[in-house]
Amino acid sequence: MSARNLCFGLLALLGCLTADAKVVPASPFCDGLVLQRDRRVPVWGKADPGEQVTVSFADQRKTAAADAKGAWMVTLAPMKACAEGRPLTIASQSFSNVAVGEV
């Protein structure tokens, strides 16, 4: 294999490794979070422009596309208080023990 072919192969591999979009939830989203009860709850963050981001929590599933600057936001419908911790999933990331109550 020539050095040129090796270089092109490595560049192609590097391109594949960086092709996956990185969805970054905003800093408030973490394990043990409490979401405000009886109110619409915004969930937001950054991603590659145009990236589709899906948020799932308590039987709700919302999707939004990141804008030209990479910002995205979905709004969860109001929920009753529930101390039972449940997972909050943002794209491929999952936060555990998320409750709904008084913040």
N, C-alpha and C. Protein backbone atom coordinates (compact mmCIF):
# COMPACT_ATOMS: atom_id res chain seq x y z
N MET A 1 0.86 -1.18 0.00
CA MET A 1 0.00 0.00 0.00
C MET A 1 0.90 1.23 0.00
N SER A 2 0.59 2.14 -0.86
CA SER A 2 1.41 3.34 -0.96
C SER A 2 1.06 4.31 0.17
N ALA A 3 1.96 5.24 0.41
CA ALA A 3 1.73 6.25 1.44
C ALA A 3 0.50 7.10 1.10
N ARG A 4 0.32 7.36 -0.18
CA ARG A 4 -0.81 8.16 -0.62
C ARG A 4 -2.13 7.44 -0.29
N ASN A 5 -2.21 6.15 -0.63
CA ASN A 5 -3.41 5.38 -0.33
C ASN A 5 -3.66 5.30 1.17
N LEU A 6 -2.59 5.14 1.93
CA LEU A 6 -2.71 5.08 3.39
C LEU A 6 -3.25 6.40 3.92
N CYS A 7 -2.75 7.51 3.40
CA CYS A 7 -3.21 8.83 3.83
C CYS A 7 -4.69 9.02 3.52
N PHE A 8 -5.12 8.66 2.30
CA PHE A 8 -6.53 8.78 1.95
C PHE A 8 -7.40 7.86 2.82
N GLY A 9 -6.90 6.68 3.11
CA GLY A 9 -7.64 5.75 3.98
C GLY A 9 -7.82 6.31 5.37
N LEU A 10 -6.76 6.91 5.93
CA LEU A 10 -6.85 7.50 7.26
C LEU A 10 -7.78 8.70 7.28
N LEU A 11 -7.73 9.52 6.23
CA LEU A 11 -8.64 10.66 6.15
C LEU A 11 -10.09 10.20 6.06
N ALA A 12 -10.36 9.16 5.29
CA ALA A 12 -11.71 8.63 5.18
C ALA A 12 -12.19 8.10 6.53
N LEU A 13 -11.33 7.40 7.24
CA LEU A 13 -11.67 6.88 8.57
C LEU A 13 -11.96 8.03 9.53
N LEU A 14 -11.13 9.05 9.51
CA LEU A 14 -11.33 10.20 10.37
C LEU A 14 -12.66 10.88 10.06
N GLY A 15 -13.00 10.98 8.79
CA GLY A 15 -14.28 11.57 8.40
C GLY A 15 -15.45 10.78 8.94
N CYS A 16 -15.34 9.47 8.96
CA CYS A 16 -16.41 8.63 9.50
C CYS A 16 -16.54 8.83 11.01
N LEU A 17 -15.43 8.98 11.69
CA LEU A 17 -15.46 9.14 13.13
C LEU A 17 -16.05 10.48 13.55
N THR A 18 -15.89 11.51 12.74
CA THR A 18 -16.40 12.83 13.10
C THR A 18 -17.76 13.11 12.47
N ALA A 19 -18.30 12.20 11.69
CA ALA A 19 -19.57 12.43 11.01
C ALA A 19 -20.76 12.41 11.97
N ASP A 20 -20.65 11.70 13.10
CA ASP A 20 -21.74 11.65 14.04
C ASP A 20 -21.93 13.00 14.71
N ALA A 21 -23.17 13.47 14.71
CA ALA A 21 -23.47 14.76 15.34
C ALA A 21 -23.42 14.60 16.85
N LYS A 22 -22.96 15.61 17.51
CA LYS A 22 -22.89 15.61 18.97
C LYS A 22 -24.01 16.48 19.49
N VAL A 23 -24.95 15.89 20.20
CA VAL A 23 -26.04 16.63 20.83
C VAL A 23 -25.61 16.91 22.27
N VAL A 24 -25.63 18.19 22.65
CA VAL A 24 -25.19 18.60 23.99
C VAL A 24 -26.37 19.27 24.70
N PRO A 25 -26.97 18.57 25.68
CA PRO A 25 -28.04 19.21 26.45
C PRO A 25 -27.48 20.39 27.25
N ALA A 26 -28.32 21.37 27.57
CA ALA A 26 -27.91 22.50 28.39
C ALA A 26 -27.51 22.00 29.79
N SER A 27 -26.74 22.79 30.50
CA SER A 27 -26.17 22.38 31.79
C SER A 27 -27.17 22.01 32.88
N PRO A 28 -28.42 22.53 32.89
CA PRO A 28 -29.32 22.10 33.97
C PRO A 28 -29.72 20.62 33.92
N PHE A 29 -29.55 19.98 32.79
CA PHE A 29 -30.03 18.61 32.64
C PHE A 29 -28.97 17.62 33.12
N CYS A 30 -29.35 16.87 34.18
CA CYS A 30 -28.42 15.94 34.83
C CYS A 30 -29.21 14.88 35.59
N ASP A 31 -28.52 13.90 36.13
CA ASP A 31 -29.15 12.90 36.98
C ASP A 31 -29.73 13.59 38.22
N GLY A 32 -30.88 13.13 38.70
CA GLY A 32 -31.48 13.66 39.91
C GLY A 32 -32.21 14.99 39.73
N LEU A 33 -32.42 15.41 38.51
CA LEU A 33 -33.09 16.68 38.21
C LEU A 33 -34.55 16.63 38.65
N VAL A 34 -35.10 17.78 39.06
CA VAL A 34 -36.52 17.91 39.35
C VAL A 34 -37.09 18.91 38.35
N LEU A 35 -38.09 18.48 37.59
CA LEU A 35 -38.77 19.34 36.63
C LEU A 35 -39.98 19.98 37.30
N GLN A 36 -40.29 21.21 36.94
CA GLN A 36 -41.40 21.95 37.55
C GLN A 36 -42.74 21.30 37.20
N ARG A 37 -43.54 21.05 38.21
CA ARG A 37 -44.87 20.45 38.00
C ARG A 37 -45.84 21.48 37.45
N ASP A 38 -46.88 20.99 36.79
CA ASP A 38 -48.01 21.80 36.32
C ASP A 38 -47.62 22.97 35.41
N ARG A 39 -46.47 22.89 34.79
CA ARG A 39 -46.02 23.94 33.85
C ARG A 39 -45.39 23.28 32.64
N ARG A 40 -45.40 23.99 31.52
CA ARG A 40 -44.68 23.52 30.34
C ARG A 40 -43.19 23.58 30.68
N VAL A 41 -42.45 22.55 30.31
CA VAL A 41 -41.03 22.45 30.67
C VAL A 41 -40.17 22.49 29.41
N PRO A 42 -39.37 23.55 29.24
CA PRO A 42 -38.46 23.60 28.09
C PRO A 42 -37.24 22.71 28.32
N VAL A 43 -36.82 22.05 27.28
CA VAL A 43 -35.59 21.25 27.28
C VAL A 43 -34.81 21.72 26.06
N TRP A 44 -33.53 22.11 26.25
CA TRP A 44 -32.79 22.72 25.16
C TRP A 44 -31.32 22.33 25.22
N GLY A 45 -30.61 22.73 24.15
CA GLY A 45 -29.18 22.46 24.08
C GLY A 45 -28.63 22.84 22.72
N LYS A 46 -27.51 22.20 22.37
CA LYS A 46 -26.81 22.48 21.11
C LYS A 46 -26.62 21.18 20.34
N ALA A 47 -26.55 21.31 19.03
CA ALA A 47 -26.28 20.17 18.14
C ALA A 47 -25.79 20.75 16.82
N ASP A 48 -25.45 19.90 15.90
CA ASP A 48 -25.08 20.37 14.58
C ASP A 48 -26.31 21.01 13.92
N PRO A 49 -26.14 22.08 13.16
CA PRO A 49 -27.27 22.70 12.48
C PRO A 49 -28.06 21.66 11.67
N GLY A 50 -29.39 21.71 11.83
CA GLY A 50 -30.26 20.78 11.12
C GLY A 50 -30.44 19.43 11.78
N GLU A 51 -29.65 19.13 12.79
CA GLU A 51 -29.73 17.84 13.48
C GLU A 51 -31.09 17.68 14.15
N GLN A 52 -31.72 16.52 13.99
CA GLN A 52 -32.97 16.21 14.67
C GLN A 52 -32.65 15.69 16.07
N VAL A 53 -33.28 16.27 17.08
CA VAL A 53 -33.05 15.88 18.48
C VAL A 53 -34.38 15.42 19.06
N THR A 54 -34.38 14.23 19.66
CA THR A 54 -35.58 13.69 20.27
C THR A 54 -35.40 13.64 21.78
N VAL A 55 -36.42 14.11 22.50
CA VAL A 55 -36.43 14.12 23.96
C VAL A 55 -37.61 13.25 24.40
N SER A 56 -37.34 12.33 25.35
CA SER A 56 -38.39 11.45 25.87
C SER A 56 -38.41 11.51 27.38
N PHE A 57 -39.61 11.67 27.94
CA PHE A 57 -39.79 11.65 29.39
C PHE A 57 -41.26 11.40 29.71
N ALA A 58 -41.52 10.49 30.62
CA ALA A 58 -42.86 10.25 31.17
C ALA A 58 -43.93 10.16 30.08
N ASP A 59 -43.78 9.26 29.16
CA ASP A 59 -44.74 9.03 28.08
C ASP A 59 -44.86 10.19 27.09
N GLN A 60 -43.91 11.12 27.13
CA GLN A 60 -43.87 12.19 26.14
C GLN A 60 -42.64 12.00 25.28
N ARG A 61 -42.82 12.27 24.01
CA ARG A 61 -41.70 12.19 23.06
C ARG A 61 -41.81 13.39 22.13
N LYS A 62 -40.82 14.27 22.18
CA LYS A 62 -40.82 15.50 21.39
C LYS A 62 -39.56 15.54 20.54
N THR A 63 -39.68 16.09 19.34
CA THR A 63 -38.54 16.20 18.43
C THR A 63 -38.44 17.62 17.90
N ALA A 64 -37.20 18.09 17.77
CA ALA A 64 -36.94 19.42 17.21
C ALA A 64 -35.69 19.34 16.36
N ALA A 65 -35.57 20.26 15.43
CA ALA A 65 -34.37 20.37 14.61
C ALA A 65 -33.54 21.55 15.12
N ALA A 66 -32.23 21.36 15.17
CA ALA A 66 -31.33 22.45 15.55
C ALA A 66 -31.36 23.52 14.47
N ASP A 67 -31.34 24.78 14.89
CA ASP A 67 -31.36 25.89 13.94
C ASP A 67 -29.98 26.08 13.30
N ALA A 68 -29.84 27.14 12.52
CA ALA A 68 -28.58 27.39 11.79
C ALA A 68 -27.39 27.58 12.72
N LYS A 69 -27.64 27.98 13.96
CA LYS A 69 -26.56 28.15 14.94
C LYS A 69 -26.39 26.93 15.83
N GLY A 70 -27.21 25.90 15.62
CA GLY A 70 -27.11 24.66 16.38
C GLY A 70 -27.98 24.62 17.63
N ALA A 71 -28.76 25.65 17.88
CA ALA A 71 -29.64 25.65 19.07
C ALA A 71 -30.91 24.87 18.77
N TRP A 72 -31.37 24.11 19.76
CA TRP A 72 -32.62 23.38 19.64
C TRP A 72 -33.39 23.49 20.96
N MET A 73 -34.71 23.31 20.90
CA MET A 73 -35.53 23.31 22.10
C MET A 73 -36.83 22.59 21.83
N VAL A 74 -37.25 21.79 22.80
CA VAL A 74 -38.59 21.20 22.80
C VAL A 74 -39.26 21.63 24.10
N THR A 75 -40.56 21.51 24.14
CA THR A 75 -41.30 21.85 25.36
C THR A 75 -42.17 20.67 25.74
N LEU A 76 -41.94 20.16 26.96
CA LEU A 76 -42.77 19.07 27.47
C LEU A 76 -44.07 19.65 28.01
N ALA A 77 -45.15 18.93 27.83
CA ALA A 77 -46.46 19.35 28.34
C ALA A 77 -46.44 19.33 29.87
N PRO A 78 -47.32 20.13 30.51
CA PRO A 78 -47.39 20.13 31.97
C PRO A 78 -47.62 18.73 32.53
N MET A 79 -47.00 18.46 33.67
CA MET A 79 -47.09 17.15 34.31
C MET A 79 -47.45 17.33 35.78
N LYS A 80 -48.17 16.38 36.34
CA LYS A 80 -48.47 16.36 37.77
C LYS A 80 -47.20 15.99 38.54
N ALA A 81 -47.16 16.39 39.79
CA ALA A 81 -46.02 16.04 40.65
C ALA A 81 -45.90 14.53 40.76
N CYS A 82 -44.67 14.05 40.73
CA CYS A 82 -44.39 12.62 40.85
C CYS A 82 -42.97 12.48 41.39
N ALA A 83 -42.85 11.97 42.60
CA ALA A 83 -41.53 11.82 43.23
C ALA A 83 -40.77 10.62 42.67
N GLU A 84 -41.46 9.76 41.94
CA GLU A 84 -40.81 8.58 41.35
C GLU A 84 -39.80 9.04 40.29
N GLY A 85 -38.54 8.70 40.48
CA GLY A 85 -37.52 9.06 39.50
C GLY A 85 -37.67 8.25 38.23
N ARG A 86 -37.64 8.95 37.11
CA ARG A 86 -37.75 8.30 35.79
C ARG A 86 -36.63 8.79 34.90
N PRO A 87 -36.33 8.06 33.84
CA PRO A 87 -35.26 8.51 32.93
C PRO A 87 -35.74 9.64 32.02
N LEU A 88 -34.85 10.58 31.77
CA LEU A 88 -35.03 11.63 30.78
C LEU A 88 -34.01 11.35 29.69
N THR A 89 -34.47 11.11 28.47
CA THR A 89 -33.57 10.79 27.38
C THR A 89 -33.53 11.95 26.40
N ILE A 90 -32.32 12.42 26.12
CA ILE A 90 -32.09 13.49 25.16
C ILE A 90 -31.14 12.92 24.12
N ALA A 91 -31.65 12.70 22.91
CA ALA A 91 -30.89 12.04 21.84
C ALA A 91 -30.43 10.68 22.39
N SER A 92 -29.13 10.42 22.42
CA SER A 92 -28.64 9.13 22.90
C SER A 92 -28.21 9.16 24.36
N GLN A 93 -28.42 10.30 25.04
CA GLN A 93 -28.02 10.43 26.44
C GLN A 93 -29.22 10.23 27.35
N SER A 94 -29.01 9.54 28.46
CA SER A 94 -30.09 9.31 29.39
C SER A 94 -29.69 9.79 30.78
N PHE A 95 -30.58 10.55 31.40
CA PHE A 95 -30.37 11.04 32.76
C PHE A 95 -31.33 10.29 33.66
N SER A 96 -30.84 9.78 34.79
CA SER A 96 -31.65 8.93 35.66
C SER A 96 -32.23 9.71 36.83
N ASN A 97 -33.26 9.10 37.41
CA ASN A 97 -33.87 9.60 38.64
C ASN A 97 -34.39 11.04 38.51
N VAL A 98 -35.06 11.33 37.40
CA VAL A 98 -35.64 12.66 37.17
C VAL A 98 -37.07 12.64 37.67
N ALA A 99 -37.41 13.58 38.56
CA ALA A 99 -38.72 13.66 39.17
C ALA A 99 -39.44 14.92 38.70
N VAL A 100 -40.73 15.01 39.04
CA VAL A 100 -41.53 16.20 38.74
C VAL A 100 -42.08 16.70 40.07
N GLY A 101 -41.84 17.97 40.37
CA GLY A 101 -42.30 18.52 41.65
C GLY A 101 -42.16 20.01 41.70
N GLU A 102 -42.07 20.53 42.90
CA GLU A 102 -41.92 21.97 43.12
C GLU A 102 -40.45 22.32 43.09
N VAL A 103 -40.10 23.25 42.22
CA VAL A 103 -38.70 23.65 42.06
C VAL A 103 -38.46 24.95 42.78
